[in-house]
C-alpha atoms as a PDB file:
ATOM      1  CA  MET A   1     105.765  99.173 106.067  1.00  0.00           C
ATOM      2  CA  TYR A   2     102.036  98.722 105.635  1.00  0.00           C
ATOM      3  CA  ALA A   3      99.809  95.740 104.966  1.00  0.00           C
ATOM      4  CA  ASP A   4      97.786  96.515 101.827  1.00  0.00           C
ATOM      5  CA  LYS A   5      94.672  94.676 102.934  1.00  0.00           C
ATOM      6  CA  GLU A   6      93.246  94.336  99.440  1.00  0.00           C
ATOM      7  CA  ASN A   7      96.348  92.552  98.179  1.00  0.00           C
ATOM      8  CA  TRP A   8      97.718  91.150 101.438  1.00  0.00           C
ATOM      9  CA  ASN A   9      98.217  87.388 101.413  1.00  0.00           C
ATOM     10  CA  LEU A  10      98.336  85.502 104.722  1.00  0.00           C
ATOM     11  CA  VAL A  11      99.922  82.424 103.131  1.00  0.00           C
ATOM     12  CA  ALA A  12     102.871  84.492 101.910  1.00  0.00           C
ATOM     13  CA  TRP A  13     103.059  86.298 105.268  1.00  0.00           C
ATOM     14  CA  LYS A  14     103.273  82.966 107.106  1.00  0.00           C
ATOM     15  CA  LYS A  15     106.154  81.881 104.883  1.00  0.00           C
ATOM     16  CA  ILE A  16     108.102  84.986 105.887  1.00  0.00           C
ATOM     17  CA  PHE A  17     107.851  84.146 109.583  1.00  0.00           C
ATOM     18  CA  HIS A  18     108.622  80.472 108.966  1.00  0.00           C
ATOM     19  CA  LYS A  19     111.753  81.470 107.071  1.00  0.00           C
ATOM     20  CA  TRP A  20     112.714  83.926 109.807  1.00  0.00           C
ATOM     21  CA  ASP A  21     112.341  81.215 112.442  1.00  0.00           C
ATOM     22  CA  LYS A  22     114.455  78.732 110.440  1.00  0.00           C
ATOM     23  CA  ILE A  23     117.324  81.200 110.210  1.00  0.00           C
ATOM     24  CA  PHE A  24     117.738  81.132 113.994  1.00  0.00           C
ATOM     25  CA  GLU A  25     116.638  77.543 114.572  1.00  0.00           C
ATOM     26  CA  LYS A  26     120.071  76.194 115.480  1.00  0.00           C
ATOM     27  CA  LYS A  27     122.240  79.270 115.848  1.00  0.00           C
ATOM     28  CA  GLY A  28     121.537  82.759 117.096  1.00  0.00           C
ATOM     29  CA  TRP A  29     118.336  84.299 118.381  1.00  0.00           C
ATOM     30  CA  GLY A  30     115.792  86.448 116.569  1.00  0.00           C
ATOM     31  CA  THR A  31     113.312  89.181 117.390  1.00  0.00           C
ATOM     32  CA  ILE A  32     109.658  89.615 116.542  1.00  0.00           C
ATOM     33  CA  TYR A  33     107.503  92.723 116.403  1.00  0.00           C
ATOM     34  CA  LEU A  34     104.588  94.183 114.462  1.00  0.00           C
ATOM     35  CA  GLY A  35     104.985  97.848 115.250  1.00  0.00           C
ATOM     36  CA  ASN A  36     107.475 100.633 115.911  1.00  0.00           C
ATOM     37  CA  HIS A  37     107.827 104.410 115.580  1.00  0.00           C
ATOM     38  CA  ASP A  38     108.190 104.192 111.796  1.00  0.00           C
ATOM     39  CA  MET A  39     105.038 102.167 111.249  1.00  0.00           C
ATOM     40  CA  SER A  40     101.325 102.724 111.514  1.00  0.00           C
ATOM     41  CA  ARG A  41      99.481 100.955 114.326  1.00  0.00           C
ATOM     42  CA  MET A  42      99.662  97.169 114.594  1.00  0.00           C
ATOM     43  CA  VAL A  43      95.907  96.642 114.944  1.00  0.00           C
ATOM     44  CA  SER A  44      95.119  98.893 111.984  1.00  0.00           C
ATOM     45  CA  ARG A  45      97.723  97.194 109.771  1.00  0.00           C
ATOM     46  CA  PHE A  46      97.375  93.512 110.548  1.00  0.00           C
ATOM     47  CA  GLY A  47      94.134  93.309 112.502  1.00  0.00           C
ATOM     48  CA  ASN A  48      90.841  95.132 112.295  1.00  0.00           C
ATOM     49  CA  ASP A  49      90.395  98.493 114.033  1.00  0.00           C
ATOM     50  CA  THR A  50      86.592  98.644 113.762  1.00  0.00           C
ATOM     51  CA  GLU A  51      84.641  98.678 117.021  1.00  0.00           C
ATOM     52  CA  ALA A  52      83.426  95.129 116.396  1.00  0.00           C
ATOM     53  CA  TYR A  53      86.896  93.603 116.040  1.00  0.00           C
ATOM     54  CA  ARG A  54      89.522  95.976 117.474  1.00  0.00           C
ATOM     55  CA  GLU A  55      89.853  94.233 120.847  1.00  0.00           C
ATOM     56  CA  LEU A  56      89.609  90.721 119.409  1.00  0.00           C
ATOM     57  CA  SER A  57      92.215  91.325 116.725  1.00  0.00           C
ATOM     58  CA  ALA A  58      94.542  93.138 119.155  1.00  0.00           C
ATOM     59  CA  LYS A  59      94.421  90.127 121.472  1.00  0.00           C
ATOM     60  CA  MET A  60      94.956  87.803 118.531  1.00  0.00           C
ATOM     61  CA  LEU A  61      98.071  89.691 117.441  1.00  0.00           C
ATOM     62  CA  HIS A  62      99.471  89.656 120.976  1.00  0.00           C
ATOM     63  CA  THR A  63      98.909  85.889 121.058  1.00  0.00           C
ATOM     64  CA  PHE A  64     100.972  85.623 117.895  1.00  0.00           C
ATOM     65  CA  ILE A  65     103.866  87.821 119.025  1.00  0.00           C
ATOM     66  CA  LEU A  66     104.105  86.199 122.456  1.00  0.00           C
ATOM     67  CA  SER A  67     103.943  82.604 121.222  1.00  0.00           C
ATOM     68  CA  MET A  68     106.745  82.785 118.666  1.00  0.00           C
ATOM     69  CA  ARG A  69     110.386  81.744 119.107  1.00  0.00           C
ATOM     70  CA  ALA A  70     112.116  85.111 119.346  1.00  0.00           C
ATOM     71  CA  THR A  71     112.413  88.068 121.684  1.00  0.00           C
ATOM     72  CA  PRO A  72     109.098  89.960 121.414  1.00  0.00           C
ATOM     73  CA  TYR A  73     109.004  93.737 121.176  1.00  0.00           C
ATOM     74  CA  ILE A  74     105.763  95.571 121.920  1.00  0.00           C
ATOM     75  CA  TYR A  75     105.524  99.177 120.798  1.00  0.00           C
ATOM     76  CA  TYR A  76     103.919 101.579 123.272  1.00  0.00           C
ATOM     77  CA  GLY A  77     100.164 101.791 122.969  1.00  0.00           C
ATOM     78  CA  ASP A  78      99.826  98.393 121.305  1.00  0.00           C
ATOM     79  CA  GLU A  79      99.314  96.799 124.710  1.00  0.00           C
ATOM     80  CA  ILE A  80      95.953  98.606 124.888  1.00  0.00           C
ATOM     81  CA  GLY A  81      95.120  98.335 121.190  1.00  0.00           C
ATOM     82  CA  MET A  82      95.690 101.932 120.077  1.00  0.00           C
ATOM     83  CA  VAL A  83      94.757 102.534 116.424  1.00  0.00           C
ATOM     84  CA  ASN A  84      95.608 104.804 113.489  1.00  0.00           C
ATOM     85  CA  THR A  85      94.557 108.438 113.489  1.00  0.00           C
ATOM     86  CA  ASN A  86      93.929 108.440 109.719  1.00  0.00           C
ATOM     87  CA  HIS A  87      94.596 112.179 109.296  1.00  0.00           C
ATOM     88  CA  THR A  88      93.410 113.704 106.026  1.00  0.00           C
ATOM     89  CA  ASN A  89      94.563 117.307 106.618  1.00  0.00           C
ATOM     90  CA  ILE A  90      98.222 118.186 106.088  1.00  0.00           C
ATOM     91  CA  GLU A  91      98.037 120.548 109.088  1.00  0.00           C
ATOM     92  CA  ASP A  92      97.610 117.527 111.356  1.00  0.00           C
ATOM     93  CA  TYR A  93     100.969 116.013 110.365  1.00  0.00           C
ATOM     94  CA  GLN A  94     104.424 116.480 111.853  1.00  0.00           C
ATOM     95  CA  ASP A  95     106.154 113.755 109.831  1.00  0.00           C
ATOM     96  CA  VAL A  96     108.768 115.471 107.645  1.00  0.00           C
ATOM     97  CA  TYR A  97     108.419 112.890 104.868  1.00  0.00           C
ATOM     98  CA  THR A  98     104.665 113.406 104.609  1.00  0.00           C
ATOM     99  CA  ILE A  99     104.929 117.204 104.630  1.00  0.00           C
ATOM    100  CA  ASN A 100     107.764 117.351 102.074  1.00  0.00           C
ATOM    101  CA  TYR A 101     106.093 114.897  99.711  1.00  0.00           C
ATOM    102  CA  TYR A 102     102.810 116.776  99.946  1.00  0.00           C
ATOM    103  CA  ASN A 103     104.496 120.129  99.242  1.00  0.00           C
ATOM    104  CA  GLY A 104     106.346 118.609  96.297  1.00  0.00           C
ATOM    105  CA  LEU A 105     103.124 117.344  94.765  1.00  0.00           C
ATOM    106  CA  LYS A 106     101.484 120.754  95.183  1.00  0.00           C
ATOM    107  CA  GLN A 107     104.381 122.479  93.425  1.00  0.00           C
ATOM    108  CA  LYS A 108     104.365 119.978  90.549  1.00  0.00           C
ATOM    109  CA  GLY A 109     100.591 119.940  90.245  1.00  0.00           C
ATOM    110  CA  GLY A 110     100.319 116.319  91.333  1.00  0.00           C
ATOM    111  CA  ASP A 111      97.447 114.569  93.067  1.00  0.00           C
ATOM    112  CA  TYR A 112      98.215 115.849  96.559  1.00  0.00           C
ATOM    113  CA  GLU A 113      94.633 115.263  97.733  1.00  0.00           C
ATOM    114  CA  GLY A 114      94.830 111.639  96.623  1.00  0.00           C
ATOM    115  CA  PHE A 115      98.192 111.339  98.359  1.00  0.00           C
ATOM    116  CA  LEU A 116      96.726 112.518 101.665  1.00  0.00           C
ATOM    117  CA  LYS A 117      93.810 110.128 101.371  1.00  0.00           C
ATOM    118  CA  SER A 118      95.998 107.105 100.646  1.00  0.00           C
ATOM    119  CA  HIS A 119      98.750 108.156 103.071  1.00  0.00           C
ATOM    120  CA  ALA A 120      96.353 108.415 106.019  1.00  0.00           C
ATOM    121  CA  ALA A 121      96.692 104.675 106.668  1.00  0.00           C
ATOM    122  CA  ILE A 122     100.479 104.408 106.340  1.00  0.00           C
ATOM    123  CA  SER A 123     101.843 107.602 107.866  1.00  0.00           C
ATOM    124  CA  ARG A 124     104.411 107.190 110.613  1.00  0.00           C
ATOM    125  CA  ASP A 125     102.506 109.755 112.665  1.00  0.00           C
ATOM    126  CA  ASN A 126      99.843 107.091 113.241  1.00  0.00           C
ATOM    127  CA  GLY A 127     102.197 105.358 115.634  1.00  0.00           C
ATOM    128  CA  ARG A 128     103.540 108.515 117.267  1.00  0.00           C
ATOM    129  CA  THR A 129     100.477 110.024 118.937  1.00  0.00           C
ATOM    130  CA  PRO A 130     100.688 110.397 122.738  1.00  0.00           C
ATOM    131  CA  MET A 131     100.150 107.425 124.998  1.00  0.00           C
ATOM    132  CA  GLN A 132      96.545 107.259 126.169  1.00  0.00           C
ATOM    133  CA  TRP A 133      96.785 106.950 129.958  1.00  0.00           C
ATOM    134  CA  ASP A 134      93.281 107.973 131.023  1.00  0.00           C
ATOM    135  CA  ASN A 135      90.148 109.835 129.913  1.00  0.00           C
ATOM    136  CA  GLN A 136      91.241 113.232 131.239  1.00  0.00           C
ATOM    137  CA  ALA A 137      92.446 116.138 129.103  1.00  0.00           C
ATOM    138  CA  GLN A 138      95.222 115.156 126.666  1.00  0.00           C
ATOM    139  CA  ALA A 139      94.668 111.545 127.788  1.00  0.00           C
ATOM    140  CA  GLY A 140      96.721 112.244 130.918  1.00  0.00           C
ATOM    141  CA  PHE A 141      99.860 112.520 128.792  1.00  0.00           C
ATOM    142  CA  THR A 142     100.571 116.195 129.431  1.00  0.00           C
ATOM    143  CA  SER A 143      99.008 119.402 130.672  1.00  0.00           C
ATOM    144  CA  ALA A 144     100.500 121.276 127.698  1.00  0.00           C
ATOM    145  CA  LYS A 145      99.750 121.031 123.983  1.00  0.00           C
ATOM    146  CA  PRO A 146     101.466 117.861 122.706  1.00  0.00           C
ATOM    147  CA  TRP A 147     103.584 117.766 119.543  1.00  0.00           C
ATOM    148  CA  LEU A 148     100.977 115.491 117.956  1.00  0.00           C
ATOM    149  CA  ALA A 149      97.313 115.624 118.865  1.00  0.00           C
ATOM    150  CA  VAL A 150      95.947 112.894 121.109  1.00  0.00           C
ATOM    151  CA  HIS A 151      93.713 110.430 119.281  1.00  0.00           C
ATOM    152  CA  GLU A 152      90.083 111.377 119.837  1.00  0.00           C
ATOM    153  CA  ASN A 153      89.237 107.843 121.007  1.00  0.00           C
ATOM    154  CA  TYR A 154      91.268 108.222 124.232  1.00  0.00           C
ATOM    155  CA  ILE A 155      87.944 108.507 126.076  1.00  0.00           C
ATOM    156  CA  ARG A 156      87.274 104.845 125.199  1.00  0.00           C
ATOM    157  CA  ILE A 157      90.802 103.450 124.828  1.00  0.00           C
ATOM    158  CA  ASN A 158      93.130 104.176 127.737  1.00  0.00           C
ATOM    159  CA  VAL A 159      95.244 102.445 130.359  1.00  0.00           C
ATOM    160  CA  LYS A 160      93.146 103.439 133.362  1.00  0.00           C
ATOM    161  CA  ASP A 161      89.924 101.956 132.027  1.00  0.00           C
ATOM    162  CA  GLN A 162      91.629  98.803 130.782  1.00  0.00           C
ATOM    163  CA  THR A 163      93.368  98.284 134.123  1.00  0.00           C
ATOM    164  CA  ALA A 164      89.941  98.120 135.761  1.00  0.00           C
ATOM    165  CA  ASN A 165      88.485  95.846 133.057  1.00  0.00           C
ATOM    166  CA  PHE A 166      89.697  92.252 133.341  1.00  0.00           C
ATOM    167  CA  ASN A 167      88.455  91.487 129.826  1.00  0.00           C
ATOM    168  CA  SER A 168      90.525  94.279 128.295  1.00  0.00           C
ATOM    169  CA  VAL A 169      93.329  94.053 125.748  1.00  0.00           C
ATOM    170  CA  LEU A 170      95.790  95.100 128.468  1.00  0.00           C
ATOM    171  CA  HIS A 171      94.818  92.267 130.814  1.00  0.00           C
ATOM    172  CA  TYR A 172      94.939  89.737 127.978  1.00  0.00           C
ATOM    173  CA  PHE A 173      98.407  91.023 127.081  1.00  0.00           C
ATOM    174  CA  LYS A 174      99.547  90.470 130.681  1.00  0.00           C
ATOM    175  CA  LYS A 175      98.062  86.948 130.702  1.00  0.00           C
ATOM    176  CA  MET A 176      99.995  86.089 127.549  1.00  0.00           C
ATOM    177  CA  ILE A 177     103.232  87.325 129.104  1.00  0.00           C
ATOM    178  CA  GLN A 178     102.640  85.133 132.168  1.00  0.00           C
ATOM    179  CA  LEU A 179     101.785  82.146 129.985  1.00  0.00           C
ATOM    180  CA  ARG A 180     104.982  82.597 127.999  1.00  0.00           C
ATOM    181  CA  LYS A 181     107.065  82.871 131.172  1.00  0.00           C
ATOM    182  CA  LYS A 182     105.446  79.756 132.627  1.00  0.00           C
ATOM    183  CA  HIS A 183     106.014  77.534 129.591  1.00  0.00           C
ATOM    184  CA  GLU A 184     109.492  77.476 128.066  1.00  0.00           C
ATOM    185  CA  SER A 185     108.052  75.699 125.026  1.00  0.00           C
ATOM    186  CA  LEU A 186     106.553  79.056 124.005  1.00  0.00           C
ATOM    187  CA  ILE A 187     110.005  80.622 124.196  1.00  0.00           C
ATOM    188  CA  TYR A 188     112.538  78.004 123.100  1.00  0.00           C
ATOM    189  CA  GLY A 189     110.353  75.286 121.610  1.00  0.00           C
ATOM    190  CA  ALA A 190     110.459  74.143 117.989  1.00  0.00           C
ATOM    191  CA  PHE A 191     108.135  75.973 115.613  1.00  0.00           C
ATOM    192  CA  THR A 192     106.179  73.790 113.183  1.00  0.00           C
ATOM    193  CA  PRO A 193     103.615  75.356 110.811  1.00  0.00           C
ATOM    194  CA  ILE A 194     100.235  73.636 110.393  1.00  0.00           C
ATOM    195  CA  ASP A 195      97.836  73.884 107.421  1.00  0.00           C
ATOM    196  CA  GLU A 196     100.263  76.240 105.695  1.00  0.00           C
ATOM    197  CA  HIS A 197      98.025  77.011 102.715  1.00  0.00           C
ATOM    198  CA  ASN A 198      95.069  78.093 104.812  1.00  0.00           C
ATOM    199  CA  GLU A 199      94.229  81.647 103.694  1.00  0.00           C
ATOM    200  CA  GLN A 200      92.507  82.610 106.954  1.00  0.00           C
ATOM    201  CA  LEU A 201      94.263  80.776 109.770  1.00  0.00           C
ATOM    202  CA  PHE A 202      97.848  80.953 110.995  1.00  0.00           C
ATOM    203  CA  ALA A 203      98.386  77.734 112.957  1.00  0.00           C
ATOM    204  CA  TYR A 204     101.556  76.177 114.352  1.00  0.00           C
ATOM    205  CA  THR A 205     102.886  74.025 117.164  1.00  0.00           C
ATOM    206  CA  ARG A 206     105.554  74.890 119.714  1.00  0.00           C
ATOM    207  CA  SER A 207     107.311  71.865 121.191  1.00  0.00           C
ATOM    208  CA  LEU A 208     110.023  71.308 123.778  1.00  0.00           C
ATOM    209  CA  ASP A 209     110.839  67.962 125.393  1.00  0.00           C
ATOM    210  CA  LYS A 210     107.457  66.363 126.174  1.00  0.00           C
ATOM    211  CA  GLU A 211     105.478  69.605 126.150  1.00  0.00           C
ATOM    212  CA  GLN A 212     103.579  70.705 123.048  1.00  0.00           C
ATOM    213  CA  PHE A 213     101.144  73.485 122.226  1.00  0.00           C
ATOM    214  CA  LEU A 214      98.965  74.250 119.222  1.00  0.00           C
ATOM    215  CA  ILE A 215      98.377  77.906 118.436  1.00  0.00           C
ATOM    216  CA  VAL A 216      95.489  78.832 116.115  1.00  0.00           C
ATOM    217  CA  LEU A 217      94.980  82.416 114.943  1.00  0.00           C
ATOM    218  CA  ASN A 218      92.216  83.627 112.651  1.00  0.00           C
ATOM    219  CA  PHE A 219      93.413  86.646 110.670  1.00  0.00           C
ATOM    220  CA  SER A 220      90.028  87.210 109.046  1.00  0.00           C
ATOM    221  CA  ASP A 221      86.572  88.523 109.910  1.00  0.00           C
ATOM    222  CA  GLN A 222      85.003  85.264 108.728  1.00  0.00           C
ATOM    223  CA  LEU A 223      84.523  81.837 110.295  1.00  0.00           C
ATOM    224  CA  ALA A 224      87.434  79.551 109.384  1.00  0.00           C
ATOM    225  CA  MET A 225      88.131  75.813 109.260  1.00  0.00           C
ATOM    226  CA  LEU A 226      91.461  74.338 110.376  1.00  0.00           C
ATOM    227  CA  ASN A 227      92.740  71.304 108.493  1.00  0.00           C
ATOM    228  CA  THR A 228      94.914  69.272 110.840  1.00  0.00           C
ATOM    229  CA  GLY A 229      95.088  65.783 112.279  1.00  0.00           C
ATOM    230  CA  ILE A 230      95.745  67.146 115.766  1.00  0.00           C
ATOM    231  CA  GLU A 231      92.929  66.495 118.214  1.00  0.00           C
ATOM    232  CA  THR A 232      91.785  69.633 119.995  1.00  0.00           C
ATOM    233  CA  LYS A 233      89.562  69.769 123.060  1.00  0.00           C
ATOM    234  CA  SER A 234      88.000  72.803 124.682  1.00  0.00           C
ATOM    235  CA  GLU A 235      89.199  71.625 128.092  1.00  0.00           C
ATOM    236  CA  ASN A 236      92.784  71.856 126.825  1.00  0.00           C
ATOM    237  CA  ILE A 237      92.563  75.559 125.972  1.00  0.00           C
ATOM    238  CA  LEU A 238      95.095  77.580 127.976  1.00  0.00           C
ATOM    239  CA  ILE A 239      94.038  80.974 126.690  1.00  0.00           C
ATOM    240  CA  SER A 240      91.650  82.431 124.131  1.00  0.00           C
ATOM    241  CA  ASN A 241      90.189  85.809 123.253  1.00  0.00           C
ATOM    242  CA  TYR A 242      86.717  84.198 123.077  1.00  0.00           C
ATOM    243  CA  GLU A 243      84.757  82.337 125.704  1.00  0.00           C
ATOM    244  CA  THR A 244      83.777  79.942 122.893  1.00  0.00           C
ATOM    245  CA  PRO A 245      86.356  80.350 120.099  1.00  0.00           C
ATOM    246  CA  VAL A 246      85.170  77.380 118.030  1.00  0.00           C
ATOM    247  CA  ILE A 247      81.582  76.805 116.900  1.00  0.00           C
ATOM    248  CA  ASN A 248      80.743  73.701 114.838  1.00  0.00           C
ATOM    249  CA  ASN A 249      84.466  73.194 114.131  1.00  0.00           C
ATOM    250  CA  LEU A 250      84.804  76.751 112.806  1.00  0.00           C
ATOM    251  CA  TYR A 251      87.053  79.358 114.403  1.00  0.00           C
ATOM    252  CA  GLN A 252      85.341  82.656 115.096  1.00  0.00           C
ATOM    253  CA  PRO A 253      86.528  85.903 113.438  1.00  0.00           C
ATOM    254  CA  TYR A 254      89.940  86.975 114.755  1.00  0.00           C
ATOM    255  CA  ALA A 255      89.898  84.083 117.222  1.00  0.00           C
ATOM    256  CA  ALA A 256      93.121  83.252 119.071  1.00  0.00           C
ATOM    257  CA  VAL A 257      93.522  79.930 120.871  1.00  0.00           C
ATOM    258  CA  ILE A 258      96.406  78.110 122.521  1.00  0.00           C
ATOM    259  CA  TYR A 259      95.839  74.401 123.188  1.00  0.00           C
ATOM    260  CA  LYS A 260      97.965  72.119 125.304  1.00  0.00           C
ATOM    261  CA  ILE A 261      98.388  68.935 123.274  1.00  0.00           C
ATOM    262  CA  GLU A 262      98.091  65.670 125.151  1.00  0.00           C
ATOM    263  CA  GLN A 263     101.036  63.356 124.567  1.00  0.00           C
END
């Protein structure tokens, strides 16, 4: 349900998606998603929700979801990079599981304060706060008091502002959808992992007929080197979340790049 970032291993995570793709390689059709109503927010779990990297990692994750061979599902709010609320007061929760577990620990004399602190990152309520439409009261979601409180960052993260900003997560998300629709290789093409043991980069090719793409995704906040024999040129970049994603052959933190490979 939640990526334990201290123990999370990208190499193992890549193997899961490779295995999932192989299952449907010749028969059937899969799905792919990184968030739903029973999970905490995608960017907080698999990306980086700090101010420095929230937008970059949100765009990177959208590049991943929309360049894989499967039907992509995007949970509401992820298209603008909404993040966890990280509640630490039981009064802020509506999730029955959280409330019942907390009450049980209090009755038994358990570490209910420690539970709240650790549960803040994994609670299902993180993904259930109201959609952040604009910077008006209650984020434009309702004129009444919502079941769950609106995230306090709605002033900065909302649909209205991102619609007007062509560098926003929302506009990048739309560009990725158009790119996927334009190139069937990104939908039906073969998936081939590259540099599988790289602990920072998730790289793979998507190929169909004579069309081939290389997708490179940095899942870390550090510069990363890709080990591959495939020649990459900046002029062959179709989309990236950086103006200059590669510096001295190193991919920038949370960089996402799709190259068209010359045949």
